[in-house]
Every structure is written in structure tokens, then in C-alpha cells.
PDB file of N, CA and C in Angstrom:
ATOM      1  N   UNK A   1     -21.310 -17.429  73.349  1.00  0.00           N
ATOM      2  CA  UNK A   1     -21.955 -17.820  72.104  1.00  0.00           C
ATOM      3  C   UNK A   1     -22.952 -16.732  71.678  1.00  0.00           C
ATOM      4  N   UNK A   2     -22.905 -16.370  70.415  1.00  0.00           N
ATOM      5  CA  UNK A   2     -23.802 -15.359  69.853  1.00  0.00           C
ATOM      6  C   UNK A   2     -25.231 -15.896  69.783  1.00  0.00           C
ATOM      7  N   UNK A   3     -26.181 -15.043  70.114  1.00  0.00           N
ATOM      8  CA  UNK A   3     -27.588 -15.415  70.010  1.00  0.00           C
ATOM      9  C   UNK A   3     -27.980 -15.514  68.542  1.00  0.00           C
ATOM     10  N   UNK A   4     -28.584 -16.624  68.181  1.00  0.00           N
ATOM     11  CA  UNK A   4     -29.084 -16.823  66.818  1.00  0.00           C
ATOM     12  C   UNK A   4     -30.459 -16.174  66.714  1.00  0.00           C
ATOM     13  N   UNK A   5     -30.657 -15.424  65.648  1.00  0.00           N
ATOM     14  CA  UNK A   5     -31.909 -14.698  65.451  1.00  0.00           C
ATOM     15  C   UNK A   5     -32.720 -15.355  64.337  1.00  0.00           C
ATOM     16  N   UNK A   6     -34.000 -15.552  64.624  1.00  0.00           N
ATOM     17  CA  UNK A   6     -34.915 -16.193  63.682  1.00  0.00           C
ATOM     18  C   UNK A   6     -36.013 -15.203  63.300  1.00  0.00           C
ATOM     19  N   UNK A   7     -36.331 -15.166  62.022  1.00  0.00           N
ATOM     20  CA  UNK A   7     -37.510 -14.454  61.527  1.00  0.00           C
ATOM     21  C   UNK A   7     -38.462 -15.513  60.994  1.00  0.00           C
ATOM     22  N   UNK A   8     -39.722 -15.423  61.414  1.00  0.00           N
ATOM     23  CA  UNK A   8     -40.731 -16.391  60.985  1.00  0.00           C
ATOM     24  C   UNK A   8     -41.752 -15.683  60.102  1.00  0.00           C
ATOM     25  N   UNK A   9     -41.975 -16.234  58.916  1.00  0.00           N
ATOM     26  CA  UNK A   9     -43.063 -15.807  58.041  1.00  0.00           C
ATOM     27  C   UNK A   9     -44.214 -16.775  58.288  1.00  0.00           C
ATOM     28  N   UNK A  10     -45.384 -16.243  58.628  1.00  0.00           N
ATOM     29  CA  UNK A  10     -46.519 -17.117  58.926  1.00  0.00           C
ATOM     30  C   UNK A  10     -47.816 -16.421  58.549  1.00  0.00           C
ATOM     31  N   UNK A  11     -48.871 -17.212  58.464  1.00  0.00           N
ATOM     32  CA  UNK A  11     -50.213 -16.673  58.265  1.00  0.00           C
ATOM     33  C   UNK A  11     -51.186 -17.676  58.870  1.00  0.00           C
ATOM     34  N   UNK A  12     -52.382 -17.246  59.064  1.00  0.00           N
ATOM     35  CA  UNK A  12     -53.381 -18.157  59.603  1.00  0.00           C
ATOM     36  C   UNK A  12     -53.370 -18.233  61.119  1.00  0.00           C
ATOM     37  N   UNK A  13     -53.701 -19.403  61.622  1.00  0.00           N
ATOM     38  CA  UNK A  13     -53.872 -19.616  63.058  1.00  0.00           C
ATOM     39  C   UNK A  13     -52.580 -19.488  63.847  1.00  0.00           C
ATOM     40  N   UNK A  14     -51.471 -19.869  63.260  1.00  0.00           N
ATOM     41  CA  UNK A  14     -50.189 -19.719  63.938  1.00  0.00           C
ATOM     42  C   UNK A  14     -49.820 -20.844  64.876  1.00  0.00           C
ATOM     43  N   UNK A  15     -50.414 -22.010  64.696  1.00  0.00           N
ATOM     44  CA  UNK A  15     -50.089 -23.147  65.559  1.00  0.00           C
ATOM     45  C   UNK A  15     -48.619 -23.515  65.448  1.00  0.00           C
ATOM     46  N   UNK A  16     -48.098 -23.567  64.245  1.00  0.00           N
ATOM     47  CA  UNK A  16     -46.672 -23.885  64.078  1.00  0.00           C
ATOM     48  C   UNK A  16     -45.795 -22.795  64.681  1.00  0.00           C
ATOM     49  N   UNK A  17     -46.179 -21.545  64.494  1.00  0.00           N
ATOM     50  CA  UNK A  17     -45.435 -20.437  65.094  1.00  0.00           C
ATOM     51  C   UNK A  17     -45.412 -20.586  66.615  1.00  0.00           C
ATOM     52  N   UNK A  18     -46.559 -20.888  67.197  1.00  0.00           N
ATOM     53  CA  UNK A  18     -46.643 -21.085  68.648  1.00  0.00           C
ATOM     54  C   UNK A  18     -45.710 -22.209  69.094  1.00  0.00           C
ATOM     55  N   UNK A  19     -45.695 -23.301  68.354  1.00  0.00           N
ATOM     56  CA  UNK A  19     -44.824 -24.427  68.704  1.00  0.00           C
ATOM     57  C   UNK A  19     -43.348 -24.045  68.611  1.00  0.00           C
ATOM     58  N   UNK A  20     -42.991 -23.273  67.612  1.00  0.00           N
ATOM     59  CA  UNK A  20     -41.604 -22.814  67.472  1.00  0.00           C
ATOM     60  C   UNK A  20     -41.243 -21.897  68.640  1.00  0.00           C
ATOM     61  N   UNK A  21     -42.111 -20.944  68.938  1.00  0.00           N
ATOM     62  CA  UNK A  21     -41.859 -20.010  70.044  1.00  0.00           C
ATOM     63  C   UNK A  21     -41.753 -20.751  71.371  1.00  0.00           C
ATOM     64  N   UNK A  22     -42.618 -21.707  71.576  1.00  0.00           N
ATOM     65  CA  UNK A  22     -42.596 -22.495  72.811  1.00  0.00           C
ATOM     66  C   UNK A  22     -41.313 -23.306  72.929  1.00  0.00           C
ATOM     67  N   UNK A  23     -40.890 -23.901  71.843  1.00  0.00           N
ATOM     68  CA  UNK A  23     -39.689 -24.743  71.840  1.00  0.00           C
ATOM     69  C   UNK A  23     -38.443 -23.942  72.221  1.00  0.00           C
ATOM     70  N   UNK A  24     -38.346 -22.723  71.718  1.00  0.00           N
ATOM     71  CA  UNK A  24     -37.150 -21.916  71.955  1.00  0.00           C
ATOM     72  C   UNK A  24     -37.295 -20.925  73.115  1.00  0.00           C
ATOM     73  N   UNK A  25     -38.408 -20.932  73.805  1.00  0.00           N
ATOM     74  CA  UNK A  25     -38.690 -19.932  74.842  1.00  0.00           C
ATOM     75  C   UNK A  25     -37.610 -19.842  75.915  1.00  0.00           C
ATOM     76  N   UNK A  26     -37.074 -20.955  76.340  1.00  0.00           N
ATOM     77  CA  UNK A  26     -36.084 -20.956  77.423  1.00  0.00           C
ATOM     78  C   UNK A  26     -34.651 -21.055  76.923  1.00  0.00           C
ATOM     79  N   UNK A  27     -34.454 -20.948  75.635  1.00  0.00           N
ATOM     80  CA  UNK A  27     -33.117 -21.055  75.058  1.00  0.00           C
ATOM     81  C   UNK A  27     -32.493 -19.660  74.963  1.00  0.00           C
ATOM     82  N   UNK A  28     -31.442 -19.428  75.722  1.00  0.00           N
ATOM     83  CA  UNK A  28     -30.786 -18.118  75.751  1.00  0.00           C
ATOM     84  C   UNK A  28     -30.041 -17.808  74.458  1.00  0.00           C
ATOM     85  N   UNK A  29     -29.799 -18.826  73.658  1.00  0.00           N
ATOM     86  CA  UNK A  29     -28.976 -18.652  72.464  1.00  0.00           C
ATOM     87  C   UNK A  29     -29.794 -18.513  71.183  1.00  0.00           C
ATOM     88  N   UNK A  30     -31.123 -18.562  71.314  1.00  0.00           N
ATOM     89  CA  UNK A  30     -31.986 -18.439  70.137  1.00  0.00           C
ATOM     90  C   UNK A  30     -33.104 -17.454  70.448  1.00  0.00           C
ATOM     91  N   UNK A  31     -33.322 -16.519  69.524  1.00  0.00           N
ATOM     92  CA  UNK A  31     -34.350 -15.504  69.700  1.00  0.00           C
ATOM     93  C   UNK A  31     -35.195 -15.422  68.435  1.00  0.00           C
ATOM     94  N   UNK A  32     -36.505 -15.470  68.597  1.00  0.00           N
ATOM     95  CA  UNK A  32     -37.374 -15.168  67.463  1.00  0.00           C
ATOM     96  C   UNK A  32     -37.472 -13.648  67.425  1.00  0.00           C
ATOM     97  N   UNK A  33     -36.821 -13.066  66.446  1.00  0.00           N
ATOM     98  CA  UNK A  33     -36.677 -11.612  66.376  1.00  0.00           C
ATOM     99  C   UNK A  33     -37.894 -10.924  65.774  1.00  0.00           C
ATOM    100  N   UNK A  34     -38.646 -11.640  64.924  1.00  0.00           N
ATOM    101  CA  UNK A  34     -39.767 -10.998  64.236  1.00  0.00           C
ATOM    102  C   UNK A  34     -40.684 -12.043  63.621  1.00  0.00           C
ATOM    103  N   UNK A  35     -41.975 -11.752  63.670  1.00  0.00           N
ATOM    104  CA  UNK A  35     -42.979 -12.493  62.911  1.00  0.00           C
ATOM    105  C   UNK A  35     -43.424 -11.588  61.773  1.00  0.00           C
ATOM    106  N   UNK A  36     -43.445 -12.119  60.565  1.00  0.00           N
ATOM    107  CA  UNK A  36     -43.961 -11.390  59.405  1.00  0.00           C
ATOM    108  C   UNK A  36     -45.166 -12.162  58.890  1.00  0.00           C
ATOM    109  N   UNK A  37     -46.288 -11.471  58.762  1.00  0.00           N
ATOM    110  CA  UNK A  37     -47.508 -12.108  58.287  1.00  0.00           C
ATOM    111  C   UNK A  37     -48.180 -11.288  57.208  1.00  0.00           C
ATOM    112  N   UNK A  38     -49.109 -11.933  56.495  1.00  0.00           N
ATOM    113  CA  UNK A  38     -49.740 -11.269  55.357  1.00  0.00           C
ATOM    114  C   UNK A  38     -51.262 -11.182  55.457  1.00  0.00           C
ATOM    115  N   UNK A  39     -51.828 -11.560  56.595  1.00  0.00           N
ATOM    116  CA  UNK A  39     -53.282 -11.478  56.775  1.00  0.00           C
ATOM    117  C   UNK A  39     -53.560 -10.740  58.078  1.00  0.00           C
ATOM    118  N   UNK A  40     -54.188  -9.585  57.975  1.00  0.00           N
ATOM    119  CA  UNK A  40     -54.385  -8.740  59.159  1.00  0.00           C
ATOM    120  C   UNK A  40     -55.222  -9.407  60.239  1.00  0.00           C
ATOM    121  N   UNK A  41     -56.123 -10.297  59.848  1.00  0.00           N
ATOM    122  CA  UNK A  41     -56.986 -10.949  60.833  1.00  0.00           C
ATOM    123  C   UNK A  41     -56.460 -12.312  61.283  1.00  0.00           C
ATOM    124  N   UNK A  42     -55.243 -12.647  60.923  1.00  0.00           N
ATOM    125  CA  UNK A  42     -54.670 -13.953  61.278  1.00  0.00           C
ATOM    126  C   UNK A  42     -54.383 -14.012  62.779  1.00  0.00           C
ATOM    127  N   UNK A  43     -54.751 -15.108  63.397  1.00  0.00           N
ATOM    128  CA  UNK A  43     -54.553 -15.287  64.836  1.00  0.00           C
ATOM    129  C   UNK A  43     -53.071 -15.358  65.204  1.00  0.00           C
ATOM    130  N   UNK A  44     -52.228 -15.612  64.229  1.00  0.00           N
ATOM    131  CA  UNK A  44     -50.789 -15.684  64.500  1.00  0.00           C
ATOM    132  C   UNK A  44     -50.278 -14.380  65.117  1.00  0.00           C
ATOM    133  N   UNK A  45     -50.890 -13.250  64.792  1.00  0.00           N
ATOM    134  CA  UNK A  45     -50.463 -11.978  65.380  1.00  0.00           C
ATOM    135  C   UNK A  45     -50.775 -11.930  66.877  1.00  0.00           C
ATOM    136  N   UNK A  46     -51.885 -12.534  67.286  1.00  0.00           N
ATOM    137  CA  UNK A  46     -52.203 -12.631  68.715  1.00  0.00           C
ATOM    138  C   UNK A  46     -51.188 -13.515  69.423  1.00  0.00           C
ATOM    139  N   UNK A  47     -50.808 -14.589  68.769  1.00  0.00           N
ATOM    140  CA  UNK A  47     -49.800 -15.484  69.361  1.00  0.00           C
ATOM    141  C   UNK A  47     -48.469 -14.753  69.535  1.00  0.00           C
ATOM    142  N   UNK A  48     -48.100 -13.937  68.563  1.00  0.00           N
ATOM    143  CA  UNK A  48     -46.852 -13.168  68.681  1.00  0.00           C
ATOM    144  C   UNK A  48     -46.929 -12.219  69.878  1.00  0.00           C
ATOM    145  N   UNK A  49     -48.084 -11.585  70.076  1.00  0.00           N
ATOM    146  CA  UNK A  49     -48.254 -10.701  71.236  1.00  0.00           C
ATOM    147  C   UNK A  49     -48.087 -11.483  72.536  1.00  0.00           C
ATOM    148  N   UNK A  50     -48.675 -12.680  72.589  1.00  0.00           N
ATOM    149  CA  UNK A  50     -48.569 -13.513  73.793  1.00  0.00           C
ATOM    150  C   UNK A  50     -47.114 -13.818  74.132  1.00  0.00           C
ATOM    151  N   UNK A  51     -46.299 -14.006  73.114  1.00  0.00           N
ATOM    152  CA  UNK A  51     -44.879 -14.331  73.313  1.00  0.00           C
ATOM    153  C   UNK A  51     -44.004 -13.076  73.354  1.00  0.00           C
ATOM    154  N   UNK A  52     -44.601 -11.906  73.239  1.00  0.00           N
ATOM    155  CA  UNK A  52     -43.857 -10.634  73.236  1.00  0.00           C
ATOM    156  C   UNK A  52     -42.833 -10.588  72.099  1.00  0.00           C
ATOM    157  N   UNK A  53     -43.274 -11.089  70.951  1.00  0.00           N
ATOM    158  CA  UNK A  53     -42.436 -11.094  69.750  1.00  0.00           C
ATOM    159  C   UNK A  53     -42.977 -10.025  68.803  1.00  0.00           C
ATOM    160  N   UNK A  54     -42.128  -9.123  68.338  1.00  0.00           N
ATOM    161  CA  UNK A  54     -42.603  -8.091  67.411  1.00  0.00           C
ATOM    162  C   UNK A  54     -43.121  -8.707  66.114  1.00  0.00           C
ATOM    163  N   UNK A  55     -44.084  -8.021  65.512  1.00  0.00           N
ATOM    164  CA  UNK A  55     -44.658  -8.542  64.271  1.00  0.00           C
ATOM    165  C   UNK A  55     -44.788  -7.429  63.244  1.00  0.00           C
ATOM    166  N   UNK A  56     -44.887  -7.858  62.006  1.00  0.00           N
ATOM    167  CA  UNK A  56     -45.011  -6.936  60.881  1.00  0.00           C
ATOM    168  C   UNK A  56     -46.029  -7.505  59.906  1.00  0.00           C
ATOM    169  N   UNK A  57     -47.026  -6.703  59.574  1.00  0.00           N
ATOM    170  CA  UNK A  57     -48.019  -7.074  58.572  1.00  0.00           C
ATOM    171  C   UNK A  57     -47.562  -6.537  57.228  1.00  0.00           C
ATOM    172  N   UNK A  58     -47.556  -7.404  56.234  1.00  0.00           N
ATOM    173  CA  UNK A  58     -47.150  -6.981  54.894  1.00  0.00           C
ATOM    174  C   UNK A  58     -48.293  -7.204  53.912  1.00  0.00           C
ATOM    175  N   UNK A  59     -48.319  -6.392  52.883  1.00  0.00           N
ATOM    176  CA  UNK A  59     -49.287  -6.595  51.808  1.00  0.00           C
ATOM    177  C   UNK A  59     -48.538  -7.097  50.575  1.00  0.00           C
ATOM    178  N   UNK A  60     -49.287  -7.660  49.675  1.00  0.00           N
ATOM    179  CA  UNK A  60     -48.690  -8.277  48.484  1.00  0.00           C
ATOM    180  C   UNK A  60     -47.850  -7.283  47.680  1.00  0.00           C
ATOM    181  N   UNK A  61     -48.344  -6.058  47.513  1.00  0.00           N
ATOM    182  CA  UNK A  61     -47.606  -5.068  46.720  1.00  0.00           C
ATOM    183  C   UNK A  61     -46.253  -4.750  47.360  1.00  0.00           C
ATOM    184  N   UNK A  62     -46.244  -4.511  48.664  1.00  0.00           N
ATOM    185  CA  UNK A  62     -44.975  -4.230  49.350  1.00  0.00           C
ATOM    186  C   UNK A  62     -44.020  -5.407  49.243  1.00  0.00           C
ATOM    187  N   UNK A  63     -44.588  -6.596  49.327  1.00  0.00           N
ATOM    188  CA  UNK A  63     -43.766  -7.802  49.302  1.00  0.00           C
ATOM    189  C   UNK A  63     -43.081  -7.991  47.955  1.00  0.00           C
ATOM    190  N   UNK A  64     -43.845  -7.767  46.877  1.00  0.00           N
ATOM    191  CA  UNK A  64     -43.312  -8.047  45.545  1.00  0.00           C
ATOM    192  C   UNK A  64     -42.772  -6.826  44.798  1.00  0.00           C
ATOM    193  N   UNK A  65     -43.251  -5.629  45.123  1.00  0.00           N
ATOM    194  CA  UNK A  65     -42.897  -4.457  44.330  1.00  0.00           C
ATOM    195  C   UNK A  65     -41.863  -3.541  44.990  1.00  0.00           C
ATOM    196  N   UNK A  66     -41.563  -3.762  46.262  1.00  0.00           N
ATOM    197  CA  UNK A  66     -40.622  -2.882  46.957  1.00  0.00           C
ATOM    198  C   UNK A  66     -39.557  -3.717  47.673  1.00  0.00           C
ATOM    199  N   UNK A  67     -38.597  -3.024  48.226  1.00  0.00           N
ATOM    200  CA  UNK A  67     -37.550  -3.685  49.016  1.00  0.00           C
ATOM    201  C   UNK A  67     -37.834  -3.602  50.511  1.00  0.00           C
ATOM    202  N   UNK A  68     -39.079  -3.313  50.881  1.00  0.00           N
ATOM    203  CA  UNK A  68     -39.429  -3.134  52.294  1.00  0.00           C
ATOM    204  C   UNK A  68     -39.005  -4.335  53.142  1.00  0.00           C
ATOM    205  N   UNK A  69     -39.385  -5.522  52.730  1.00  0.00           N
ATOM    206  CA  UNK A  69     -39.062  -6.719  53.518  1.00  0.00           C
ATOM    207  C   UNK A  69     -37.566  -6.973  53.507  1.00  0.00           C
ATOM    208  N   UNK A  70     -36.952  -6.790  52.365  1.00  0.00           N
ATOM    209  CA  UNK A  70     -35.502  -6.975  52.286  1.00  0.00           C
ATOM    210  C   UNK A  70     -34.784  -6.030  53.245  1.00  0.00           C
ATOM    211  N   UNK A  71     -35.229  -4.786  53.304  1.00  0.00           N
ATOM    212  CA  UNK A  71     -34.616  -3.816  54.214  1.00  0.00           C
ATOM    213  C   UNK A  71     -34.823  -4.206  55.673  1.00  0.00           C
ATOM    214  N   UNK A  72     -36.004  -4.692  55.997  1.00  0.00           N
ATOM    215  CA  UNK A  72     -36.276  -5.156  57.366  1.00  0.00           C
ATOM    216  C   UNK A  72     -35.368  -6.328  57.707  1.00  0.00           C
ATOM    217  N   UNK A  73     -35.244  -7.262  56.782  1.00  0.00           N
ATOM    218  CA  UNK A  73     -34.392  -8.432  57.028  1.00  0.00           C
ATOM    219  C   UNK A  73     -32.927  -8.032  57.170  1.00  0.00           C
ATOM    220  N   UNK A  74     -32.485  -7.085  56.369  1.00  0.00           N
ATOM    221  CA  UNK A  74     -31.100  -6.615  56.493  1.00  0.00           C
ATOM    222  C   UNK A  74     -30.866  -5.982  57.858  1.00  0.00           C
ATOM    223  N   UNK A  75     -31.854  -5.249  58.346  1.00  0.00           N
ATOM    224  CA  UNK A  75     -31.732  -4.593  59.650  1.00  0.00           C
ATOM    225  C   UNK A  75     -31.673  -5.620  60.786  1.00  0.00           C
ATOM    226  N   UNK A  76     -32.506  -6.635  60.702  1.00  0.00           N
ATOM    227  CA  UNK A  76     -32.544  -7.663  61.750  1.00  0.00           C
ATOM    228  C   UNK A  76     -31.376  -8.627  61.623  1.00  0.00           C
ATOM    229  N   UNK A  77     -30.958  -8.870  60.389  1.00  0.00           N
ATOM    230  CA  UNK A  77     -29.843  -9.778  60.119  1.00  0.00           C
ATOM    231  C   UNK A  77     -30.063 -11.166  60.734  1.00  0.00           C
ATOM    232  N   UNK A  78     -31.146 -11.846  60.322  1.00  0.00           N
ATOM    233  CA  UNK A  78     -31.440 -13.145  60.929  1.00  0.00           C
ATOM    234  C   UNK A  78     -30.449 -14.222  60.498  1.00  0.00           C
ATOM    235  N   UNK A  79     -30.272 -15.188  61.372  1.00  0.00           N
ATOM    236  CA  UNK A  79     -29.462 -16.358  61.051  1.00  0.00           C
ATOM    237  C   UNK A  79     -30.301 -17.407  60.332  1.00  0.00           C
ATOM    238  N   UNK A  80     -31.616 -17.323  60.529  1.00  0.00           N
ATOM    239  CA  UNK A  80     -32.520 -18.308  59.940  1.00  0.00           C
ATOM    240  C   UNK A  80     -33.852 -17.638  59.631  1.00  0.00           C
ATOM    241  N   UNK A  81     -34.413 -17.969  58.472  1.00  0.00           N
ATOM    242  CA  UNK A  81     -35.754 -17.530  58.099  1.00  0.00           C
ATOM    243  C   UNK A  81     -36.609 -18.781  57.975  1.00  0.00           C
ATOM    244  N   UNK A  82     -37.736 -18.780  58.689  1.00  0.00           N
ATOM    245  CA  UNK A  82     -38.627 -19.937  58.704  1.00  0.00           C
ATOM    246  C   UNK A  82     -39.923 -19.565  57.995  1.00  0.00           C
ATOM    247  N   UNK A  83     -40.328 -20.388  57.039  1.00  0.00           N
ATOM    248  CA  UNK A  83     -41.619 -20.216  56.371  1.00  0.00           C
ATOM    249  C   UNK A  83     -42.590 -21.189  57.024  1.00  0.00           C
ATOM    250  N   UNK A  84     -43.477 -20.671  57.836  1.00  0.00           N
ATOM    251  CA  UNK A  84     -44.380 -21.501  58.633  1.00  0.00           C
ATOM    252  C   UNK A  84     -45.817 -21.277  58.171  1.00  0.00           C
ATOM    253  N   UNK A  85     -46.197 -21.965  57.120  1.00  0.00           N
ATOM    254  CA  UNK A  85     -47.533 -21.796  56.575  1.00  0.00           C
ATOM    255  C   UNK A  85     -47.680 -20.553  55.713  1.00  0.00           C
ATOM    256  N   UNK A  86     -46.587 -19.940  55.372  1.00  0.00           N
ATOM    257  CA  UNK A  86     -46.583 -18.754  54.520  1.00  0.00           C
ATOM    258  C   UNK A  86     -46.496 -19.235  53.081  1.00  0.00           C
ATOM    259  N   UNK A  87     -47.525 -18.940  52.277  1.00  0.00           N
ATOM    260  CA  UNK A  87     -47.631 -19.570  50.963  1.00  0.00           C
ATOM    261  C   UNK A  87     -47.223 -18.697  49.782  1.00  0.00           C
ATOM    262  N   UNK A  88     -46.883 -17.442  50.006  1.00  0.00           N
ATOM    263  CA  UNK A  88     -46.425 -16.619  48.888  1.00  0.00           C
ATOM    264  C   UNK A  88     -45.037 -17.063  48.463  1.00  0.00           C
ATOM    265  N   UNK A  89     -44.798 -17.018  47.156  1.00  0.00           N
ATOM    266  CA  UNK A  89     -43.458 -17.312  46.655  1.00  0.00           C
ATOM    267  C   UNK A  89     -42.511 -16.198  47.081  1.00  0.00           C
ATOM    268  N   UNK A  90     -41.331 -16.570  47.529  1.00  0.00           N
ATOM    269  CA  UNK A  90     -40.349 -15.598  47.989  1.00  0.00           C
ATOM    270  C   UNK A  90     -39.621 -15.028  46.770  1.00  0.00           C
ATOM    271  N   UNK A  91     -39.570 -13.691  46.649  1.00  0.00           N
ATOM    272  CA  UNK A  91     -38.875 -13.092  45.504  1.00  0.00           C
ATOM    273  C   UNK A  91     -37.375 -13.389  45.534  1.00  0.00           C
ATOM    274  N   UNK A  92     -36.761 -13.343  44.378  1.00  0.00           N
ATOM    275  CA  UNK A  92     -35.329 -13.628  44.274  1.00  0.00           C
ATOM    276  C   UNK A  92     -34.471 -12.656  45.065  1.00  0.00           C
ATOM    277  N   UNK A  93     -34.891 -11.400  45.163  1.00  0.00           N
ATOM    278  CA  UNK A  93     -34.053 -10.416  45.855  1.00  0.00           C
ATOM    279  C   UNK A  93     -34.139 -10.599  47.343  1.00  0.00           C
TER     280      UNK A  93
END
């Protein structure tokens, strides 16, 4: 069975992110491939480090004015994208 890859968009404390990571920690068929956040001081980035999950900090301009996130998502090719307390509207592209 192919491993399912998840990308999580989160900001803030990261309690939901922690719960998601904890739930799937022992599942060989599911991997949280990346955390994407929009606040540099958000504790969610510390939680990602604790789980050894790579993270990416994005700014509003990159998110809305460039294809940076789209290119990252294409590279990772996630099976699921989770919005966990991430409040920015997702662009159509």
C-alpha cells in the first residue's frame, strides 16, 4: 500500500496539529510530509520540530502573489491538505 502524504496548514499554538501528528505517528501508511504556517512566532513550528516534520513559513505576499506554495505542493504531491486553524483564504490556483 502506498503511503498517503498529508500537508497541514496551521498557525498559532498548534494543538490540532499536535493531535493530528500524534494520531498518525505509528501509522506506516500515513505521513505528515510538511507543515506550512504563516506566523513566525507560532508555537506550531516547535511542535513540528518535536515530531521531526519539516515546516515552511510563508508570508502573505508569497501566498497570494506567487506560485511558491503551489510549486511546493506539486513537489510533495500530497494526498490530503488539512487546514488546521489556518485562516487565510486559499487562492483558486
